[in-house]
Amino acid sequence: MRVLVAEAIAPEGIEALRARHEVDVRTGLSDEDLRAIAGDYDALVVRSQVAVDAALIAAAPRLQVIGRAGVGVDNVDLDAATRAGITVVNAPTGNTIAAAEHTIALLLALARRVPAADASIRRGEWARGPLQGVQLRGRSLGIIGLGKIGMAVAERARGLGMVLLGSDPYVTAEQAALRGVELVELEALLARSDAVTVHVPLTRSTTTLIDAKAIARMKPGAFVLNVARGGIVDEAALAAALRDGRLGGAGIDVFENEPPTDSPLLEAPNTVLTPHLGASTAEAQIAVAEEIAEQVLDVLDGRPARYAVNAPLLSAEAEQTIGPYLPLAETLGKFLVQFARAGVGTFTVELAGDLAQTESAPLTAAALRGLLETGTTERVNLVNAAILARARGITVVERKTSDAGGFPAAITVQGTVRGGHVTVGGTLAAGEMRLVRLNDYRLDMAAADLMLITRHRDRPGTIGRIGQLLGAADVNISAMHLARSAPRADALMILSVDDDVHPDLEAALRADEGVHDLWIIRLGNHR
């Protein structure tokens, strides 16, 4: 496959990609030039300057994955990528330490007035009194956003003897307490903190999160730090508060517009301004490049990416539990839609046993992929499966139960069709996919690439005649399972076969007096 690296990343990442695929490094291209060549590539790697917009995505029908070498993905049109079934991945951990250390560096520079002291001594002055700073020990640091970087800042600030406050709706008080952070509401954090640092993504809800109203709630003389994304802090409101002496200083690494040629912060007093250096360490650049390369390779190999931005995410723990069941969920969805022979109105995914305690979204997406991929010409994957289902009027329901029917874990999918429903259940045994339920029939059979199912009268000779027809057509049977509700009532026979069942053979089987119905289920690459 072909990978286009459109912005410079560390050589280690490029070499990792080149070990597996053909890689072109073409930086500095205009938007028009990039669109002209994008259609030749299966993967695109960018940083923060290239705008991966809807037009570029439309020009790249082969594209499977977009890798953003960094944390933010605001230069990528996620909606357009998701509709196209393109996985977007970022590298949120590679620069964690670098960003945390830069935050502390800005805090220390403000507290000890390092830039002002440097400028003073270069002017030939020795004015120590006006440059008196403050100690951080015992002072309160308010951390907005307790993700990886926020927690890394907390660890380092705790080493300085600071009192730590945190605000994050996705973190529990117990999780925060493990890092020595008291979890509080945002208003309380602003009122109690001697310094406030933001570590959240730039979204609709976080844009100008630190505005004039938020600044008015802060302690007089407090510091403001931003090593996250430009736009989270209202630069005009911050500059006004610094000029008025309402705040004691600001350490800003990211800006609403970069470079910040017109930012009011350039003329504001008591500031330490740096040109987006949060991730700019040699170690971080290597880590980010390697992290993004690893995920691009995962997607190209058909595996879920650890940090997919627009797909169901797997935590490291969930990957161990859920990962092996993703192919099973997809297989069940594929089986159901072929057995149903009709459009599905409501699609229910039930996770049982051990799976009831895990994340359901990735397994549901995998089952939807199986359900949809044989009935559409659109690319269907874990990224866009839910969107395509909604577009087709399919209602998706998730259920969990502790009862796995005697198995450690199981997945059951059910689809409503023409007033009735079709149910298929499966589990894993020694790493092998096993079908354990088909409608009201209980069974235990390995899922095979090609399966022949008959519903027939439970009478002597019926199975023999079916076997003779298959033998005459040189179709080999590799496995068989029989299920019935009562003696001499209707029965179900599931055969795994090594050879395809061609139309003439299918017609002959259907014509047998004992056969009520017949299905050919293709789970592999048979056509």
Protein backbone atom coordinates (compact mmCIF):
# COMPACT_ATOMS: atom_id res chain seq x y z
CA MET A 1 0.00 0.00 0.00
CA ARG A 2 1.04 3.62 -0.44
CA VAL A 3 1.48 6.17 2.34
CA LEU A 4 1.83 9.93 1.83
CA VAL A 5 3.62 11.90 4.53
CA ALA A 6 2.56 15.49 3.82
CA GLU A 7 4.31 17.16 6.79
CA ALA A 8 7.68 16.43 8.35
CA ILE A 9 7.81 13.81 11.10
CA ALA A 10 10.78 12.18 12.79
CA PRO A 11 12.71 9.68 10.60
CA GLU A 12 11.94 6.86 13.02
CA GLY A 13 8.25 7.03 12.09
CA ILE A 14 8.96 7.13 8.37
CA GLU A 15 11.26 4.13 8.59
CA ALA A 16 8.62 2.14 10.48
CA LEU A 17 6.15 2.83 7.68
CA ARG A 18 8.67 2.07 4.93
CA ALA A 19 9.42 -1.30 6.45
CA ARG A 20 5.90 -2.39 5.49
CA HIS A 21 4.64 -0.10 2.72
CA GLU A 22 5.66 2.31 -0.02
CA VAL A 23 6.11 5.79 1.50
CA ASP A 24 6.38 9.17 -0.23
CA VAL A 25 7.44 12.21 1.80
CA ARG A 26 6.12 15.31 0.01
CA THR A 27 5.93 18.34 2.25
CA GLY A 28 5.04 21.92 1.44
CA LEU A 29 2.45 21.05 -1.22
CA SER A 30 -0.31 23.51 -2.02
CA ASP A 31 -3.90 22.47 -1.37
CA GLU A 32 -4.43 22.02 -5.11
CA ASP A 33 -1.30 19.91 -5.58
CA LEU A 34 -2.17 17.75 -2.59
CA ARG A 35 -5.67 17.07 -3.92
CA ALA A 36 -4.19 16.17 -7.30
CA ILE A 37 -2.10 13.31 -5.91
CA ALA A 38 -4.18 12.20 -2.90
CA GLY A 39 -6.13 9.65 -4.91
CA ASP A 40 -3.03 7.48 -5.27
CA TYR A 41 -2.64 6.82 -1.54
CA ASP A 42 -4.11 4.53 1.10
CA ALA A 43 -2.83 6.53 4.09
CA LEU A 44 -2.08 10.19 4.78
CA VAL A 45 0.11 11.51 7.59
CA VAL A 46 -0.04 15.20 8.57
CA ARG A 47 0.74 17.41 11.52
CA SER A 48 -1.11 20.67 12.20
CA GLN A 49 -0.66 22.80 9.08
CA VAL A 50 -2.20 20.72 6.29
CA ALA A 51 -5.99 21.12 6.17
CA VAL A 52 -7.52 17.72 5.54
CA ASP A 53 -10.91 19.08 4.50
CA ALA A 54 -13.88 17.55 2.71
CA ALA A 55 -12.46 18.43 -0.69
CA LEU A 56 -9.20 16.62 -0.01
CA ILE A 57 -11.03 13.60 1.40
CA ALA A 58 -13.31 13.47 -1.66
CA ALA A 59 -10.23 13.46 -3.88
CA ALA A 60 -8.80 10.41 -2.08
CA PRO A 61 -11.20 7.44 -2.55
CA ARG A 62 -8.48 4.91 -1.64
CA LEU A 63 -7.73 6.54 1.68
CA GLN A 64 -8.19 4.23 4.67
CA VAL A 65 -6.49 6.18 7.43
CA ILE A 66 -5.44 9.74 8.24
CA GLY A 67 -2.71 10.03 10.85
CA ARG A 68 -2.38 13.30 12.75
CA ALA A 69 1.08 13.35 14.31
CA GLY A 70 0.08 15.18 17.47
CA VAL A 71 -2.88 15.57 19.79
CA GLY A 72 -5.41 17.95 18.24
CA VAL A 73 -7.29 17.01 15.07
CA ASP A 74 -9.01 20.32 14.37
CA ASN A 75 -7.28 20.48 10.96
CA VAL A 76 -9.10 17.27 9.92
CA ASP A 77 -12.76 17.25 8.85
CA LEU A 78 -13.87 14.38 11.07
CA ASP A 79 -17.42 14.30 9.71
CA ALA A 80 -16.24 13.97 6.12
CA ALA A 81 -13.68 11.32 7.09
CA THR A 82 -16.25 9.33 9.05
CA ARG A 83 -18.78 9.40 6.21
CA ALA A 84 -16.06 8.11 3.88
CA GLY A 85 -15.18 5.31 6.28
CA ILE A 86 -11.70 6.70 6.91
CA THR A 87 -10.17 6.12 10.32
CA VAL A 88 -8.57 9.22 11.83
CA VAL A 89 -5.86 8.57 14.40
CA ASN A 90 -3.76 10.89 16.49
CA ALA A 91 -0.80 10.53 18.84
CA PRO A 92 -2.04 11.71 22.24
CA THR A 93 0.65 10.18 24.43
CA GLY A 94 3.89 10.82 22.56
CA ASN A 95 4.15 14.43 23.70
CA THR A 96 2.67 13.96 27.18
CA ILE A 97 5.89 14.47 29.10
CA ALA A 98 7.09 17.30 26.86
CA ALA A 99 3.82 19.24 27.23
CA ALA A 100 3.71 18.68 30.99
CA GLU A 101 7.29 19.83 31.45
CA HIS A 102 6.69 22.91 29.29
CA THR A 103 3.68 23.80 31.44
CA ILE A 104 5.82 23.62 34.56
CA ALA A 105 8.55 25.61 32.82
CA LEU A 106 6.12 28.44 32.07
CA LEU A 107 4.78 28.33 35.63
CA LEU A 108 8.27 28.58 37.12
CA ALA A 109 9.24 31.34 34.68
CA LEU A 110 6.22 33.37 35.79
CA ALA A 111 6.68 32.69 39.49
CA ARG A 112 10.35 33.73 39.46
CA ARG A 113 9.99 36.39 36.73
CA VAL A 114 12.72 34.77 34.67
CA PRO A 115 12.12 36.59 31.33
CA ALA A 116 11.96 40.00 33.01
CA ALA A 117 15.08 39.25 35.02
CA ASP A 118 16.94 38.13 31.89
CA ALA A 119 15.94 41.29 30.02
CA SER A 120 16.90 43.47 32.98
CA ILE A 121 20.39 42.11 33.34
CA ARG A 122 20.98 42.40 29.59
CA ARG A 123 20.16 46.10 29.94
CA GLY A 124 22.99 46.40 32.42
CA GLU A 125 20.69 46.63 35.45
CA TRP A 126 20.99 44.95 38.84
CA ALA A 127 17.50 45.71 40.12
CA ARG A 128 16.73 42.72 42.31
CA GLY A 129 13.90 44.22 44.36
CA PRO A 130 11.41 44.76 41.55
CA LEU A 131 12.05 41.20 40.33
CA GLN A 132 11.00 39.47 43.52
CA GLY A 133 9.05 36.31 42.76
CA VAL A 134 6.83 33.87 44.66
CA GLN A 135 7.34 30.32 45.85
CA LEU A 136 5.10 27.62 44.43
CA ARG A 137 5.25 25.39 47.48
CA GLY A 138 1.91 25.53 49.28
CA ARG A 139 0.17 27.40 46.46
CA SER A 140 -2.83 25.98 44.59
CA LEU A 141 -2.66 24.82 40.98
CA GLY A 142 -6.01 24.37 39.23
CA ILE A 143 -5.85 21.85 36.38
CA ILE A 144 -8.72 21.96 33.91
CA GLY A 145 -8.73 18.61 32.11
CA LEU A 146 -7.30 15.58 33.86
CA GLY A 147 -6.30 13.54 30.84
CA LYS A 148 -2.81 12.19 30.30
CA ILE A 149 -1.14 15.60 30.12
CA GLY A 150 -3.19 17.08 32.95
CA MET A 151 -2.29 14.15 35.20
CA ALA A 152 1.38 14.43 34.20
CA VAL A 153 1.30 18.11 35.19
CA ALA A 154 -0.28 17.11 38.50
CA GLU A 155 2.54 14.66 39.25
CA ARG A 156 5.19 17.28 38.61
CA ALA A 157 3.40 20.05 40.50
CA ARG A 158 2.93 17.72 43.45
CA GLY A 159 6.71 17.32 43.49
CA LEU A 160 6.93 21.09 43.91
CA GLY A 161 4.72 20.89 46.98
CA MET A 162 1.69 22.51 45.37
CA VAL A 163 -1.94 21.96 46.37
CA LEU A 164 -3.72 20.39 43.39
CA LEU A 165 -7.30 21.07 42.28
CA GLY A 166 -8.84 19.50 39.20
CA SER A 167 -11.96 19.84 37.08
CA ASP A 168 -12.96 17.18 34.57
CA PRO A 169 -16.47 15.73 34.02
CA TYR A 170 -15.02 12.42 32.80
CA VAL A 171 -12.86 11.69 35.84
CA THR A 172 -14.07 10.37 39.19
CA ALA A 173 -13.01 11.79 42.52
CA GLU A 174 -11.29 8.49 43.28
CA GLN A 175 -9.25 8.61 40.06
CA ALA A 176 -8.19 12.18 40.77
CA ALA A 177 -7.29 11.40 44.36
CA LEU A 178 -4.83 8.74 43.22
CA ARG A 179 -2.74 11.58 41.76
CA GLY A 180 -3.22 13.81 44.79
CA VAL A 181 -5.83 15.98 43.05
CA GLU A 182 -9.00 17.24 44.70
CA LEU A 183 -11.80 17.10 42.13
CA VAL A 184 -13.97 20.25 42.22
CA GLU A 185 -16.40 22.12 39.99
CA LEU A 186 -14.88 24.62 37.56
CA GLU A 187 -16.19 27.65 39.44
CA ALA A 188 -14.56 26.45 42.68
CA LEU A 189 -11.31 25.73 40.88
CA LEU A 190 -11.16 29.24 39.44
CA ALA A 191 -11.90 30.84 42.82
CA ARG A 192 -9.37 28.78 44.81
CA SER A 193 -6.38 28.50 42.46
CA ASP A 194 -3.23 30.61 42.49
CA ALA A 195 -2.49 29.34 38.99
CA VAL A 196 -4.87 27.84 36.42
CA THR A 197 -3.70 25.61 33.57
CA VAL A 198 -5.89 24.19 30.79
CA HIS A 199 -5.41 20.74 29.24
CA VAL A 200 -8.58 20.11 27.23
CA PRO A 201 -9.21 19.78 23.48
CA LEU A 202 -10.60 22.70 21.53
CA THR A 203 -14.30 21.99 21.06
CA ARG A 204 -17.48 24.03 20.88
CA SER A 205 -17.83 23.80 24.66
CA THR A 206 -14.20 24.70 25.44
CA THR A 207 -13.79 27.61 23.01
CA THR A 208 -13.08 30.72 25.16
CA LEU A 209 -13.55 28.59 28.25
CA ILE A 210 -11.32 31.08 30.04
CA ASP A 211 -13.18 34.27 29.15
CA ALA A 212 -13.79 37.54 30.98
CA LYS A 213 -16.36 35.93 33.29
CA ALA A 214 -14.00 33.08 34.20
CA ILE A 215 -11.14 35.51 34.79
CA ALA A 216 -13.36 37.61 37.08
CA ARG A 217 -13.81 34.54 39.31
CA MET A 218 -10.06 34.02 39.73
CA LYS A 219 -7.95 35.16 42.65
CA PRO A 220 -6.32 38.57 42.21
CA GLY A 221 -2.78 38.02 41.00
CA ALA A 222 -3.41 34.47 39.70
CA PHE A 223 -1.47 33.02 36.78
CA VAL A 224 -3.04 31.55 33.61
CA LEU A 225 -1.28 28.85 31.58
CA ASN A 226 -2.23 27.41 28.19
CA VAL A 227 -0.14 24.67 26.57
CA ALA A 228 -3.22 22.97 25.08
CA ARG A 229 -4.91 24.65 22.09
CA GLY A 230 -5.30 28.24 20.98
CA GLY A 231 -8.82 29.56 21.41
CA ILE A 232 -9.48 27.98 24.80
CA VAL A 233 -8.32 31.21 26.44
CA ASP A 234 -9.89 34.49 25.30
CA GLU A 235 -6.73 36.42 24.45
CA ALA A 236 -8.36 39.85 24.52
CA ALA A 237 -9.94 39.25 27.92
CA LEU A 238 -6.66 37.86 29.29
CA ALA A 239 -4.66 40.81 27.96
CA ALA A 240 -7.11 43.27 29.52
CA ALA A 241 -6.88 41.53 32.91
CA LEU A 242 -3.06 41.63 32.75
CA ARG A 243 -3.00 45.32 31.86
CA ASP A 244 -5.40 46.11 34.69
CA GLY A 245 -3.29 44.15 37.18
CA ARG A 246 -6.23 41.80 37.82
CA LEU A 247 -4.00 38.81 37.05
CA GLY A 248 -0.39 38.28 38.00
CA GLY A 249 0.83 36.79 34.74
CA ALA A 250 0.22 34.39 31.85
CA GLY A 251 2.28 31.65 30.24
CA ILE A 252 0.92 31.01 26.74
CA ASP A 253 2.28 28.51 24.22
CA VAL A 254 -0.69 28.32 21.81
CA PHE A 255 -2.70 31.06 20.17
CA GLU A 256 -5.98 31.66 18.36
CA ASN A 257 -4.01 32.47 15.20
CA GLU A 258 -0.51 31.17 14.68
CA PRO A 259 1.79 32.96 14.33
CA PRO A 260 0.04 35.47 16.64
CA THR A 261 0.99 38.64 14.78
CA ASP A 262 -2.08 40.57 15.97
CA SER A 263 -2.60 39.02 19.39
CA PRO A 264 -3.19 41.56 22.19
CA LEU A 265 -0.99 39.35 24.39
CA LEU A 266 2.09 40.60 22.52
CA GLU A 267 1.74 43.95 24.27
CA ALA A 268 0.41 42.67 27.60
CA PRO A 269 2.64 42.82 30.70
CA ASN A 270 3.86 39.87 32.77
CA THR A 271 3.65 37.31 30.01
CA VAL A 272 5.84 34.42 28.92
CA LEU A 273 5.00 33.59 25.31
CA THR A 274 6.42 30.65 23.37
CA PRO A 275 5.77 29.57 19.73
CA HIS A 276 3.82 26.32 20.23
CA LEU A 277 6.73 24.46 21.79
CA GLY A 278 4.75 22.09 24.02
CA ALA A 279 5.70 19.03 21.98
CA SER A 280 9.02 20.35 20.74
CA THR A 281 11.53 18.04 22.32
CA ALA A 282 13.63 15.54 20.42
CA GLU A 283 12.21 12.72 22.49
CA ALA A 284 8.60 13.80 21.94
CA GLN A 285 9.00 14.12 18.18
CA ILE A 286 10.35 10.58 17.94
CA ALA A 287 7.62 9.22 20.22
CA VAL A 288 4.86 10.98 18.25
CA ALA A 289 6.21 9.76 14.91
CA GLU A 290 6.49 6.18 16.14
CA GLU A 291 3.05 6.29 17.75
CA ILE A 292 1.34 7.56 14.60
CA ALA A 293 3.22 5.10 12.39
CA GLU A 294 2.16 2.19 14.59
CA GLN A 295 -1.50 3.16 14.31
CA VAL A 296 -1.40 3.75 10.57
CA LEU A 297 0.07 0.27 10.18
CA ASP A 298 -2.62 -1.20 12.42
CA VAL A 299 -5.42 0.27 10.29
CA LEU A 300 -3.80 -0.79 7.01
CA ASP A 301 -3.50 -4.30 8.44
CA GLY A 302 -7.19 -4.34 9.35
CA ARG A 303 -6.67 -4.00 13.10
CA PRO A 304 -8.35 -1.40 15.35
CA ALA A 305 -6.16 1.58 16.15
CA ARG A 306 -5.55 2.37 19.81
CA TYR A 307 -6.20 6.10 19.43
CA ALA A 308 -8.77 6.27 16.63
CA VAL A 309 -10.52 9.62 16.99
CA ASN A 310 -13.67 8.77 15.05
CA ALA A 311 -14.06 5.05 15.84
CA PRO A 312 -14.95 3.07 18.94
CA LEU A 313 -11.89 3.16 21.17
CA LEU A 314 -10.33 0.24 22.98
CA SER A 315 -8.51 0.82 26.23
CA ALA A 316 -5.45 -1.33 26.80
CA GLU A 317 -7.43 -3.50 29.20
CA ALA A 318 -10.44 -3.79 26.91
CA GLU A 319 -8.23 -4.70 23.97
CA GLN A 320 -7.24 -7.90 25.75
CA THR A 321 -10.88 -8.80 26.46
CA ILE A 322 -12.70 -7.44 23.44
CA GLY A 323 -10.10 -7.76 20.68
CA PRO A 324 -10.54 -11.50 20.05
CA TYR A 325 -14.34 -11.09 19.90
CA LEU A 326 -14.39 -8.41 17.19
CA PRO A 327 -14.17 -10.96 14.32
CA LEU A 328 -16.90 -13.02 16.00
CA ALA A 329 -19.25 -10.03 16.21
CA GLU A 330 -18.64 -9.22 12.54
CA THR A 331 -19.22 -12.85 11.54
CA LEU A 332 -22.52 -12.97 13.42
CA GLY A 333 -23.74 -9.82 11.68
CA LYS A 334 -22.74 -11.25 8.31
CA PHE A 335 -24.48 -14.55 9.10
CA LEU A 336 -27.67 -12.85 10.26
CA VAL A 337 -28.22 -10.69 7.19
CA GLN A 338 -27.79 -13.66 4.85
CA PHE A 339 -30.08 -15.89 6.90
CA ALA A 340 -32.72 -13.15 7.19
CA ARG A 341 -32.90 -12.49 3.43
CA ALA A 342 -34.56 -9.16 4.18
CA GLY A 343 -33.83 -5.70 5.48
CA VAL A 344 -33.37 -5.46 9.21
CA GLY A 345 -35.46 -2.90 11.11
CA THR A 346 -34.06 -3.20 14.62
CA PHE A 347 -30.65 -4.72 15.21
CA THR A 348 -29.94 -5.86 18.76
CA VAL A 349 -26.50 -6.81 20.04
CA GLU A 350 -26.43 -8.67 23.34
CA LEU A 351 -23.16 -9.16 25.22
CA ALA A 352 -23.19 -11.90 27.82
CA GLY A 353 -20.93 -13.19 30.58
CA ASP A 354 -17.50 -11.56 30.76
CA LEU A 355 -18.34 -9.27 27.84
CA ALA A 356 -21.15 -7.68 29.84
CA GLN A 357 -18.49 -5.89 31.89
CA THR A 358 -16.66 -4.44 28.88
CA GLU A 359 -17.03 -1.63 26.38
CA SER A 360 -19.87 -2.42 23.97
CA ALA A 361 -19.38 0.16 21.21
CA PRO A 362 -16.54 -1.60 19.33
CA LEU A 363 -18.37 -4.94 19.32
CA THR A 364 -21.61 -3.32 18.16
CA ALA A 365 -19.76 -1.53 15.37
CA ALA A 366 -18.12 -4.80 14.30
CA ALA A 367 -21.49 -6.57 14.19
CA LEU A 368 -22.93 -3.71 12.13
CA ARG A 369 -20.06 -3.97 9.72
CA GLY A 370 -20.89 -7.61 9.11
CA LEU A 371 -24.58 -6.78 8.75
CA LEU A 372 -24.04 -4.02 6.20
CA GLU A 373 -21.02 -4.86 4.11
CA THR A 374 -22.70 -7.42 1.82
CA GLY A 375 -25.59 -5.07 1.04
CA THR A 376 -23.86 -1.85 0.02
CA THR A 377 -21.22 -0.69 -2.42
CA GLU A 378 -19.95 1.79 0.17
CA ARG A 379 -16.89 0.99 2.24
CA VAL A 380 -18.09 -0.25 5.62
CA ASN A 381 -15.79 -0.36 8.64
CA LEU A 382 -15.80 0.29 12.36
CA VAL A 383 -15.67 4.03 11.69
CA ASN A 384 -18.83 4.55 9.68
CA ALA A 385 -20.92 1.45 10.41
CA ALA A 386 -23.22 3.25 12.86
CA ILE A 387 -23.75 6.16 10.45
CA LEU A 388 -24.60 3.85 7.55
CA ALA A 389 -27.01 1.90 9.77
CA ARG A 390 -28.88 5.07 10.74
CA ALA A 391 -29.00 6.16 7.10
CA ARG A 392 -30.76 2.88 6.29
CA GLY A 393 -33.31 3.31 9.06
CA ILE A 394 -31.84 0.58 11.26
CA THR A 395 -32.40 1.06 14.99
CA VAL A 396 -29.49 -0.29 17.01
CA VAL A 397 -30.06 -1.67 20.52
CA GLU A 398 -27.38 -2.84 22.94
CA ARG A 399 -28.02 -5.23 25.81
CA LYS A 400 -25.87 -6.84 28.47
CA THR A 401 -26.50 -9.87 30.64
CA SER A 402 -24.46 -11.94 33.04
CA ASP A 403 -26.02 -15.17 31.70
CA ALA A 404 -23.87 -16.52 28.85
CA GLY A 405 -25.60 -19.89 28.73
CA GLY A 406 -22.78 -21.84 30.29
CA PHE A 407 -20.03 -20.10 28.31
CA PRO A 408 -17.55 -17.60 29.79
CA ALA A 409 -18.73 -15.03 27.24
CA ALA A 410 -21.09 -14.90 24.27
CA ILE A 411 -22.51 -12.52 21.69
CA THR A 412 -26.04 -12.75 20.33
CA VAL A 413 -27.34 -10.61 17.48
CA GLN A 414 -31.00 -10.31 16.58
CA GLY A 415 -32.71 -8.56 13.70
CA THR A 416 -36.38 -7.82 13.22
CA VAL A 417 -37.52 -8.74 9.71
CA ARG A 418 -41.04 -8.71 8.21
CA GLY A 419 -42.73 -8.83 11.58
CA GLY A 420 -40.54 -11.62 12.89
CA HIS A 421 -36.94 -11.89 13.95
CA VAL A 422 -33.73 -13.78 13.28
CA THR A 423 -31.30 -14.60 16.08
CA VAL A 424 -27.71 -15.82 15.82
CA GLY A 425 -25.40 -16.43 18.79
CA GLY A 426 -21.73 -17.28 19.07
CA THR A 427 -18.80 -17.62 21.38
CA LEU A 428 -15.07 -18.39 21.31
CA ALA A 429 -13.63 -21.75 22.32
CA ALA A 430 -9.84 -22.18 22.27
CA GLY A 431 -9.69 -19.16 19.98
CA GLU A 432 -12.17 -20.68 17.50
CA MET A 433 -15.47 -19.02 16.58
CA ARG A 434 -18.41 -21.27 17.50
CA LEU A 435 -22.04 -20.80 16.54
CA VAL A 436 -24.20 -21.67 19.54
CA ARG A 437 -27.66 -20.46 18.56
CA LEU A 438 -29.76 -20.04 15.44
CA ASN A 439 -33.25 -18.75 16.19
CA ASP A 440 -34.70 -21.19 18.74
CA TYR A 441 -32.21 -23.93 17.97
CA ARG A 442 -29.24 -24.51 20.24
CA LEU A 443 -26.08 -25.78 18.55
CA ASP A 444 -22.31 -25.89 18.86
CA MET A 445 -20.48 -25.68 15.57
CA ALA A 446 -17.41 -23.92 14.24
CA ALA A 447 -18.15 -21.01 11.92
CA ALA A 448 -16.86 -21.84 8.45
CA ASP A 449 -16.25 -19.74 5.35
CA LEU A 450 -19.07 -21.51 3.48
CA MET A 451 -22.10 -23.08 5.15
CA LEU A 452 -25.21 -24.78 3.78
CA ILE A 453 -28.35 -24.78 5.95
CA THR A 454 -31.52 -26.71 5.32
CA ARG A 455 -34.84 -26.71 7.12
CA HIS A 456 -36.35 -30.07 6.32
CA ARG A 457 -38.81 -32.71 7.49
CA ASP A 458 -37.28 -34.96 10.12
CA ARG A 459 -37.93 -38.19 8.19
CA PRO A 460 -35.62 -41.13 7.40
CA GLY A 461 -33.79 -40.67 4.12
CA THR A 462 -33.94 -36.87 3.87
CA ILE A 463 -30.36 -36.27 5.05
CA GLY A 464 -29.15 -39.16 2.88
CA ARG A 465 -30.69 -37.68 -0.28
CA ILE A 466 -29.14 -34.28 0.49
CA GLY A 467 -25.75 -35.96 0.99
CA GLN A 468 -26.08 -37.83 -2.31
CA LEU A 469 -26.83 -34.63 -4.22
CA LEU A 470 -23.80 -32.91 -2.70
CA GLY A 471 -21.59 -35.91 -3.40
CA ALA A 472 -22.70 -36.10 -6.99
CA ALA A 473 -21.75 -32.42 -7.39
CA ASP A 474 -18.33 -33.08 -5.78
CA VAL A 475 -19.11 -30.80 -2.84
CA ASN A 476 -17.21 -32.00 0.22
CA ILE A 477 -18.76 -31.76 3.71
CA SER A 478 -16.31 -30.84 6.46
CA ALA A 479 -18.71 -30.61 9.40
CA MET A 480 -22.38 -31.18 10.18
CA HIS A 481 -24.80 -30.25 12.93
CA LEU A 482 -28.41 -31.37 13.32
CA ALA A 483 -31.01 -29.63 15.45
CA ARG A 484 -34.70 -30.32 15.90
CA SER A 485 -37.53 -29.22 18.13
CA ALA A 486 -39.22 -32.68 18.34
CA PRO A 487 -38.95 -36.12 16.68
CA ARG A 488 -40.26 -36.12 13.10
CA ALA A 489 -41.00 -32.40 13.23
CA ASP A 490 -39.11 -29.82 11.22
CA ALA A 491 -35.34 -30.02 11.68
CA LEU A 492 -32.37 -27.82 10.90
CA MET A 493 -29.17 -29.12 9.35
CA ILE A 494 -26.05 -26.94 9.15
CA LEU A 495 -23.24 -28.14 6.92
CA SER A 496 -19.77 -26.68 6.53
CA VAL A 497 -18.69 -27.36 2.96
CA ASP A 498 -15.36 -26.98 1.20
CA ASP A 499 -16.79 -26.22 -2.25
CA ASP A 500 -19.27 -23.65 -3.47
CA VAL A 501 -22.89 -24.60 -4.06
CA HIS A 502 -23.67 -23.57 -7.61
CA PRO A 503 -27.17 -22.57 -8.78
CA ASP A 504 -27.99 -25.93 -10.41
CA LEU A 505 -27.12 -27.82 -7.23
CA GLU A 506 -29.06 -25.34 -5.11
CA ALA A 507 -32.12 -25.83 -7.32
CA ALA A 508 -31.82 -29.62 -7.02
CA LEU A 509 -31.61 -29.41 -3.23
CA ARG A 510 -34.64 -27.14 -3.03
CA ALA A 511 -36.59 -29.53 -5.22
CA ASP A 512 -36.19 -32.42 -2.78
CA GLU A 513 -39.53 -33.38 -1.27
CA GLY A 514 -38.22 -33.18 2.30
CA VAL A 515 -36.54 -29.76 2.06
CA HIS A 516 -38.68 -26.81 3.18
CA ASP A 517 -36.03 -24.12 2.84
CA LEU A 518 -32.33 -23.69 2.15
CA TRP A 519 -29.69 -21.06 2.83
CA ILE A 520 -26.13 -20.67 1.57
CA ILE A 521 -24.14 -18.59 4.05
CA ARG A 522 -20.86 -17.15 2.82
CA LEU A 523 -18.71 -15.94 5.70
CA GLY A 524 -15.39 -16.03 3.85
CA ASN A 525 -14.34 -14.99 0.36
CA HIS A 526 -16.55 -17.38 -1.62
CA ARG A 527 -18.68 -15.66 -4.25
